[in-house]
Amino acid sequence: REGDEEAWARYQRGRVLYGRALAGGIAGVRGVWSAAPAHPWTADIAAIVRAVLSRPTGGVLVVVPDAWDVAQMTAALADCTETMAVLTADLGPERRYREFLRVLRGTVRLVVGTRAAVFAPVRDLALTIVWSDGDEALWEPHAPYWNARDVAALRSHLTGCGLLVGSPARSVETEQWCAGGWAQSISPNRQTR
């Protein structure tokens, strides 16, 4: 889609990430992305999602903190609704189960949801995106107190799918990933800042 590549051109390593997504080489990529100021984060995520979905295979999982963020994300991905499932607690048990079955059967390639969506059985998962990983809503309040970011990182490690964790300000954990070399830093270039 027009403007998608420009969205990622605002970032150091952004063009490379976008190019790999278009070429089908997103597997194994791990990035920690600091969102550009005065630019909608939903547009950046939508651009990379459309790049992955432009390939004949590969699914995408987008995990956001709350229902408002899900609404923002689904609006940005309005052109992908035919292949998208939404998983949030707000849907109610019947609709949520129906959406889960669509994912399980492989009839959708894109899942957008809140914390528990990180466990969605997306077929041929190519990329997992977690937005605002420092938000408390991504922590499960009951034992074993897991965090969606950490579950996504484990899925990435075990399955080889790409992982992109983004936020306006990085968490200590994701900054440590970059410092240790486990993930690459993707930040706005000087001109954008």
C-alpha atoms as a PDB file:
ATOM      1  CA  ARG A   1       0.000   0.000   0.000  1.00  0.00           C
ATOM      2  CA  GLU A   2       1.208   3.496  -0.773  1.00  0.00           C
ATOM      3  CA  GLY A   3       3.003   5.087   2.161  1.00  0.00           C
ATOM      4  CA  ASP A   4       3.803   1.832   3.970  1.00  0.00           C
ATOM      5  CA  GLU A   5       7.478   1.827   3.043  1.00  0.00           C
ATOM      6  CA  GLU A   6       7.790   5.513   3.979  1.00  0.00           C
ATOM      7  CA  ALA A   7       6.406   4.720   7.432  1.00  0.00           C
ATOM      8  CA  TRP A   8       9.391   2.467   8.125  1.00  0.00           C
ATOM      9  CA  ALA A   9      11.864   4.739   6.335  1.00  0.00           C
ATOM     10  CA  ARG A  10      11.569   7.007   9.413  1.00  0.00           C
ATOM     11  CA  TYR A  11      13.535   4.443  11.436  1.00  0.00           C
ATOM     12  CA  GLN A  12      17.119   3.275  11.551  1.00  0.00           C
ATOM     13  CA  ARG A  13      17.002  -0.301  10.201  1.00  0.00           C
ATOM     14  CA  GLY A  14      13.344   0.303   9.303  1.00  0.00           C
ATOM     15  CA  ARG A  15      13.769  -0.078   5.548  1.00  0.00           C
ATOM     16  CA  VAL A  16      15.616  -3.360   6.071  1.00  0.00           C
ATOM     17  CA  LEU A  17      12.859  -4.669   8.361  1.00  0.00           C
ATOM     18  CA  TYR A  18      10.146  -3.659   5.898  1.00  0.00           C
ATOM     19  CA  GLY A  19      12.078  -5.196   2.998  1.00  0.00           C
ATOM     20  CA  ARG A  20      12.484  -8.492   4.847  1.00  0.00           C
ATOM     21  CA  ALA A  21       8.769  -8.546   5.623  1.00  0.00           C
ATOM     22  CA  LEU A  22       7.947  -8.018   1.937  1.00  0.00           C
ATOM     23  CA  ALA A  23      10.426 -10.665   0.822  1.00  0.00           C
ATOM     24  CA  GLY A  24       9.205 -13.257   3.324  1.00  0.00           C
ATOM     25  CA  GLY A  25      12.406 -13.151   5.365  1.00  0.00           C
ATOM     26  CA  ILE A  26      10.935 -11.862   8.634  1.00  0.00           C
ATOM     27  CA  ALA A  27      11.419 -15.190  10.463  1.00  0.00           C
ATOM     28  CA  GLY A  28      14.053 -14.981  13.166  1.00  0.00           C
ATOM     29  CA  VAL A  29      14.090 -11.171  13.173  1.00  0.00           C
ATOM     30  CA  ARG A  30      13.878  -9.655  16.655  1.00  0.00           C
ATOM     31  CA  GLY A  31      13.425  -5.932  16.958  1.00  0.00           C
ATOM     32  CA  VAL A  32      12.735  -3.426  19.699  1.00  0.00           C
ATOM     33  CA  TRP A  33      11.031  -0.478  18.108  1.00  0.00           C
ATOM     34  CA  SER A  34      10.730   3.013  19.597  1.00  0.00           C
ATOM     35  CA  ALA A  35       7.769   4.713  17.915  1.00  0.00           C
ATOM     36  CA  ALA A  36       8.423   7.947  16.031  1.00  0.00           C
ATOM     37  CA  PRO A  37       7.073  11.074  17.711  1.00  0.00           C
ATOM     38  CA  ALA A  38       3.973  12.738  16.232  1.00  0.00           C
ATOM     39  CA  HIS A  39       3.239   9.718  14.058  1.00  0.00           C
ATOM     40  CA  PRO A  40       0.494   7.136  14.725  1.00  0.00           C
ATOM     41  CA  TRP A  41       1.938   3.842  15.925  1.00  0.00           C
ATOM     42  CA  THR A  42      -1.012   2.045  14.344  1.00  0.00           C
ATOM     43  CA  ALA A  43       0.136   3.146  10.878  1.00  0.00           C
ATOM     44  CA  ASP A  44       3.593   1.660  11.482  1.00  0.00           C
ATOM     45  CA  ILE A  45       2.172  -1.664  12.659  1.00  0.00           C
ATOM     46  CA  ALA A  46      -0.375  -1.758   9.817  1.00  0.00           C
ATOM     47  CA  ALA A  47       2.413  -1.187   7.274  1.00  0.00           C
ATOM     48  CA  ILE A  48       4.526  -4.103   8.496  1.00  0.00           C
ATOM     49  CA  VAL A  49       1.458  -6.356   8.848  1.00  0.00           C
ATOM     50  CA  ARG A  50       0.377  -5.647   5.259  1.00  0.00           C
ATOM     51  CA  ALA A  51       3.929  -6.399   4.094  1.00  0.00           C
ATOM     52  CA  VAL A  52       3.872  -9.836   5.746  1.00  0.00           C
ATOM     53  CA  LEU A  53       0.336 -10.562   4.531  1.00  0.00           C
ATOM     54  CA  SER A  54       1.288  -9.635   0.948  1.00  0.00           C
ATOM     55  CA  ARG A  55       3.095 -12.983   0.826  1.00  0.00           C
ATOM     56  CA  PRO A  56       1.064 -16.125   0.110  1.00  0.00           C
ATOM     57  CA  THR A  57       1.956 -17.660   3.484  1.00  0.00           C
ATOM     58  CA  GLY A  58       2.717 -16.448   6.991  1.00  0.00           C
ATOM     59  CA  GLY A  59       0.521 -15.268   9.812  1.00  0.00           C
ATOM     60  CA  VAL A  60       0.789 -12.247  12.081  1.00  0.00           C
ATOM     61  CA  LEU A  61      -0.152 -11.806  15.732  1.00  0.00           C
ATOM     62  CA  VAL A  62      -0.578  -8.294  17.159  1.00  0.00           C
ATOM     63  CA  VAL A  63      -0.924  -7.969  20.946  1.00  0.00           C
ATOM     64  CA  VAL A  64      -1.947  -4.645  22.482  1.00  0.00           C
ATOM     65  CA  PRO A  65      -2.793  -3.667  26.077  1.00  0.00           C
ATOM     66  CA  ASP A  66      -6.532  -2.945  25.956  1.00  0.00           C
ATOM     67  CA  ALA A  67      -9.752  -2.880  23.935  1.00  0.00           C
ATOM     68  CA  TRP A  68      -9.241   0.771  22.937  1.00  0.00           C
ATOM     69  CA  ASP A  69      -5.899  -0.151  21.352  1.00  0.00           C
ATOM     70  CA  VAL A  70      -7.551  -3.115  19.610  1.00  0.00           C
ATOM     71  CA  ALA A  71     -10.161  -0.752  18.144  1.00  0.00           C
ATOM     72  CA  GLN A  72      -7.416   1.609  16.937  1.00  0.00           C
ATOM     73  CA  MET A  73      -5.467  -1.264  15.409  1.00  0.00           C
ATOM     74  CA  THR A  74      -8.441  -2.861  13.664  1.00  0.00           C
ATOM     75  CA  ALA A  75      -9.381   0.537  12.219  1.00  0.00           C
ATOM     76  CA  ALA A  76      -5.839   0.920  10.829  1.00  0.00           C
ATOM     77  CA  LEU A  77      -6.112  -2.578   9.340  1.00  0.00           C
ATOM     78  CA  ALA A  78      -9.604  -2.116   7.883  1.00  0.00           C
ATOM     79  CA  ASP A  79      -8.353  -3.394   4.516  1.00  0.00           C
ATOM     80  CA  CYS A  80      -7.411  -6.722   6.160  1.00  0.00           C
ATOM     81  CA  THR A  81     -10.729  -7.530   7.893  1.00  0.00           C
ATOM     82  CA  GLU A  82     -11.408 -10.585   5.691  1.00  0.00           C
ATOM     83  CA  THR A  83      -8.341 -12.331   7.051  1.00  0.00           C
ATOM     84  CA  MET A  84      -8.400 -10.914  10.617  1.00  0.00           C
ATOM     85  CA  ALA A  85      -9.652 -12.323  13.909  1.00  0.00           C
ATOM     86  CA  VAL A  86     -10.064 -10.203  17.030  1.00  0.00           C
ATOM     87  CA  LEU A  87      -9.497 -11.799  20.439  1.00  0.00           C
ATOM     88  CA  THR A  88     -10.443  -9.757  23.504  1.00  0.00           C
ATOM     89  CA  ALA A  89     -12.319 -10.517  26.713  1.00  0.00           C
ATOM     90  CA  ASP A  90     -14.786  -7.749  25.837  1.00  0.00           C
ATOM     91  CA  LEU A  91     -16.231  -9.854  23.008  1.00  0.00           C
ATOM     92  CA  GLY A  92     -17.967 -12.247  25.342  1.00  0.00           C
ATOM     93  CA  PRO A  93     -17.448 -16.016  25.433  1.00  0.00           C
ATOM     94  CA  GLU A  94     -19.505 -16.986  22.362  1.00  0.00           C
ATOM     95  CA  ARG A  95     -17.971 -14.536  19.881  1.00  0.00           C
ATOM     96  CA  ARG A  96     -14.480 -14.972  21.336  1.00  0.00           C
ATOM     97  CA  TYR A  97     -14.762 -18.753  20.874  1.00  0.00           C
ATOM     98  CA  ARG A  98     -15.993 -18.285  17.301  1.00  0.00           C
ATOM     99  CA  GLU A  99     -12.989 -16.058  16.568  1.00  0.00           C
ATOM    100  CA  PHE A 100     -10.649 -18.563  18.241  1.00  0.00           C
ATOM    101  CA  LEU A 101     -12.020 -21.349  16.021  1.00  0.00           C
ATOM    102  CA  ARG A 102     -11.350 -19.245  12.913  1.00  0.00           C
ATOM    103  CA  VAL A 103      -7.724 -18.937  14.062  1.00  0.00           C
ATOM    104  CA  LEU A 104      -7.451 -22.633  14.957  1.00  0.00           C
ATOM    105  CA  ARG A 105      -8.833 -23.708  11.567  1.00  0.00           C
ATOM    106  CA  GLY A 106      -6.391 -21.455   9.763  1.00  0.00           C
ATOM    107  CA  THR A 107      -9.048 -19.410   7.963  1.00  0.00           C
ATOM    108  CA  VAL A 108      -7.433 -16.164   9.160  1.00  0.00           C
ATOM    109  CA  ARG A 109      -3.797 -15.077   8.944  1.00  0.00           C
ATOM    110  CA  LEU A 110      -3.975 -12.065  11.261  1.00  0.00           C
ATOM    111  CA  VAL A 111      -4.936 -11.936  14.931  1.00  0.00           C
ATOM    112  CA  VAL A 112      -5.301  -8.686  16.858  1.00  0.00           C
ATOM    113  CA  GLY A 113      -6.016  -8.923  20.552  1.00  0.00           C
ATOM    114  CA  THR A 114      -5.234  -8.202  24.147  1.00  0.00           C
ATOM    115  CA  ARG A 115      -2.970 -10.066  26.587  1.00  0.00           C
ATOM    116  CA  ALA A 116      -4.317 -13.633  26.197  1.00  0.00           C
ATOM    117  CA  ALA A 117      -4.183 -13.390  22.386  1.00  0.00           C
ATOM    118  CA  VAL A 118      -0.439 -14.039  22.668  1.00  0.00           C
ATOM    119  CA  PHE A 119      -1.368 -17.743  22.952  1.00  0.00           C
ATOM    120  CA  ALA A 120      -3.478 -17.752  19.749  1.00  0.00           C
ATOM    121  CA  PRO A 121      -2.627 -20.761  17.558  1.00  0.00           C
ATOM    122  CA  VAL A 122      -1.866 -18.729  14.425  1.00  0.00           C
ATOM    123  CA  ARG A 123      -0.993 -21.098  11.614  1.00  0.00           C
ATOM    124  CA  ASP A 124       2.431 -20.540  10.030  1.00  0.00           C
ATOM    125  CA  LEU A 125       3.203 -17.656  12.391  1.00  0.00           C
ATOM    126  CA  ALA A 126       5.742 -15.363  10.738  1.00  0.00           C
ATOM    127  CA  LEU A 127       5.646 -12.317  13.029  1.00  0.00           C
ATOM    128  CA  THR A 128       4.461 -11.415  16.522  1.00  0.00           C
ATOM    129  CA  ILE A 129       4.099  -7.752  17.417  1.00  0.00           C
ATOM    130  CA  VAL A 130       3.644  -6.549  20.999  1.00  0.00           C
ATOM    131  CA  TRP A 131       2.730  -2.896  21.489  1.00  0.00           C
ATOM    132  CA  SER A 132       3.506  -0.980  24.705  1.00  0.00           C
ATOM    133  CA  ASP A 133       5.096  -3.880  26.552  1.00  0.00           C
ATOM    134  CA  GLY A 134       5.546  -1.836  29.741  1.00  0.00           C
ATOM    135  CA  ASP A 135       1.784  -1.452  30.178  1.00  0.00           C
ATOM    136  CA  GLU A 136       0.475  -3.235  33.285  1.00  0.00           C
ATOM    137  CA  ALA A 137      -2.440  -4.635  31.274  1.00  0.00           C
ATOM    138  CA  LEU A 138      -0.024  -7.043  29.565  1.00  0.00           C
ATOM    139  CA  TRP A 139       0.754  -8.721  32.908  1.00  0.00           C
ATOM    140  CA  GLU A 140      -1.464 -11.623  33.961  1.00  0.00           C
ATOM    141  CA  PRO A 141      -2.564 -10.822  37.550  1.00  0.00           C
ATOM    142  CA  HIS A 142      -2.866 -14.506  38.545  1.00  0.00           C
ATOM    143  CA  ALA A 143      -0.131 -17.095  39.058  1.00  0.00           C
ATOM    144  CA  PRO A 144       2.193 -17.686  37.285  1.00  0.00           C
ATOM    145  CA  TYR A 145       2.046 -13.896  36.551  1.00  0.00           C
ATOM    146  CA  TRP A 146       3.226 -14.085  32.945  1.00  0.00           C
ATOM    147  CA  ASN A 147       3.763 -11.072  30.700  1.00  0.00           C
ATOM    148  CA  ALA A 148       2.647 -11.044  27.036  1.00  0.00           C
ATOM    149  CA  ARG A 149       6.054  -9.687  25.982  1.00  0.00           C
ATOM    150  CA  ASP A 150       7.869 -12.603  27.607  1.00  0.00           C
ATOM    151  CA  VAL A 151       5.485 -15.185  26.153  1.00  0.00           C
ATOM    152  CA  ALA A 152       5.946 -13.628  22.694  1.00  0.00           C
ATOM    153  CA  ALA A 153       9.727 -13.784  23.145  1.00  0.00           C
ATOM    154  CA  LEU A 154       9.523 -17.474  24.082  1.00  0.00           C
ATOM    155  CA  ARG A 155       7.322 -18.192  21.048  1.00  0.00           C
ATOM    156  CA  SER A 156       9.812 -16.381  18.847  1.00  0.00           C
ATOM    157  CA  HIS A 157      12.693 -18.383  20.287  1.00  0.00           C
ATOM    158  CA  LEU A 158      10.908 -21.754  20.077  1.00  0.00           C
ATOM    159  CA  THR A 159       9.240 -21.370  16.668  1.00  0.00           C
ATOM    160  CA  GLY A 160      11.647 -19.019  14.884  1.00  0.00           C
ATOM    161  CA  CYS A 161       8.958 -16.453  14.090  1.00  0.00           C
ATOM    162  CA  GLY A 162       9.897 -12.782  13.979  1.00  0.00           C
ATOM    163  CA  LEU A 163       9.290 -10.572  17.005  1.00  0.00           C
ATOM    164  CA  LEU A 164       8.745  -6.835  17.081  1.00  0.00           C
ATOM    165  CA  VAL A 165       8.173  -5.121  20.431  1.00  0.00           C
ATOM    166  CA  GLY A 166       7.245  -1.467  20.160  1.00  0.00           C
ATOM    167  CA  SER A 167       6.350   1.401  22.455  1.00  0.00           C
ATOM    168  CA  PRO A 168       6.752   5.153  22.806  1.00  0.00           C
ATOM    169  CA  ALA A 169       9.365   4.513  25.539  1.00  0.00           C
ATOM    170  CA  ARG A 170      11.238   1.250  25.921  1.00  0.00           C
ATOM    171  CA  SER A 171      10.936  -0.976  28.930  1.00  0.00           C
ATOM    172  CA  VAL A 172      14.037  -1.954  30.889  1.00  0.00           C
ATOM    173  CA  GLU A 173      13.661  -5.535  29.654  1.00  0.00           C
ATOM    174  CA  THR A 174      13.602  -4.662  25.961  1.00  0.00           C
ATOM    175  CA  GLU A 175      16.505  -2.258  26.345  1.00  0.00           C
ATOM    176  CA  GLN A 176      18.423  -5.124  27.956  1.00  0.00           C
ATOM    177  CA  TRP A 177      17.561  -7.325  24.952  1.00  0.00           C
ATOM    178  CA  CYS A 178      19.211  -4.735  22.692  1.00  0.00           C
ATOM    179  CA  ALA A 179      22.233  -4.273  24.954  1.00  0.00           C
ATOM    180  CA  GLY A 180      22.781  -8.032  25.076  1.00  0.00           C
ATOM    181  CA  GLY A 181      22.408  -8.454  21.317  1.00  0.00           C
ATOM    182  CA  TRP A 182      19.288 -10.646  21.509  1.00  0.00           C
ATOM    183  CA  ALA A 183      17.264  -8.008  19.613  1.00  0.00           C
ATOM    184  CA  GLN A 184      18.061  -5.119  17.278  1.00  0.00           C
ATOM    185  CA  SER A 185      17.191  -1.540  18.162  1.00  0.00           C
ATOM    186  CA  ILE A 186      14.830   0.189  15.717  1.00  0.00           C
ATOM    187  CA  SER A 187      14.552   3.861  16.579  1.00  0.00           C
ATOM    188  CA  PRO A 188      13.529   7.025  14.728  1.00  0.00           C
ATOM    189  CA  ASN A 189      16.291   8.454  12.569  1.00  0.00           C
ATOM    190  CA  ARG A 190      17.708  11.882  13.316  1.00  0.00           C
ATOM    191  CA  GLN A 191      15.611  13.656  10.707  1.00  0.00           C
ATOM    192  CA  THR A 192      12.394  12.182  12.139  1.00  0.00           C
ATOM    193  CA  ARG A 193      13.349  13.127  15.712  1.00  0.00           C
END
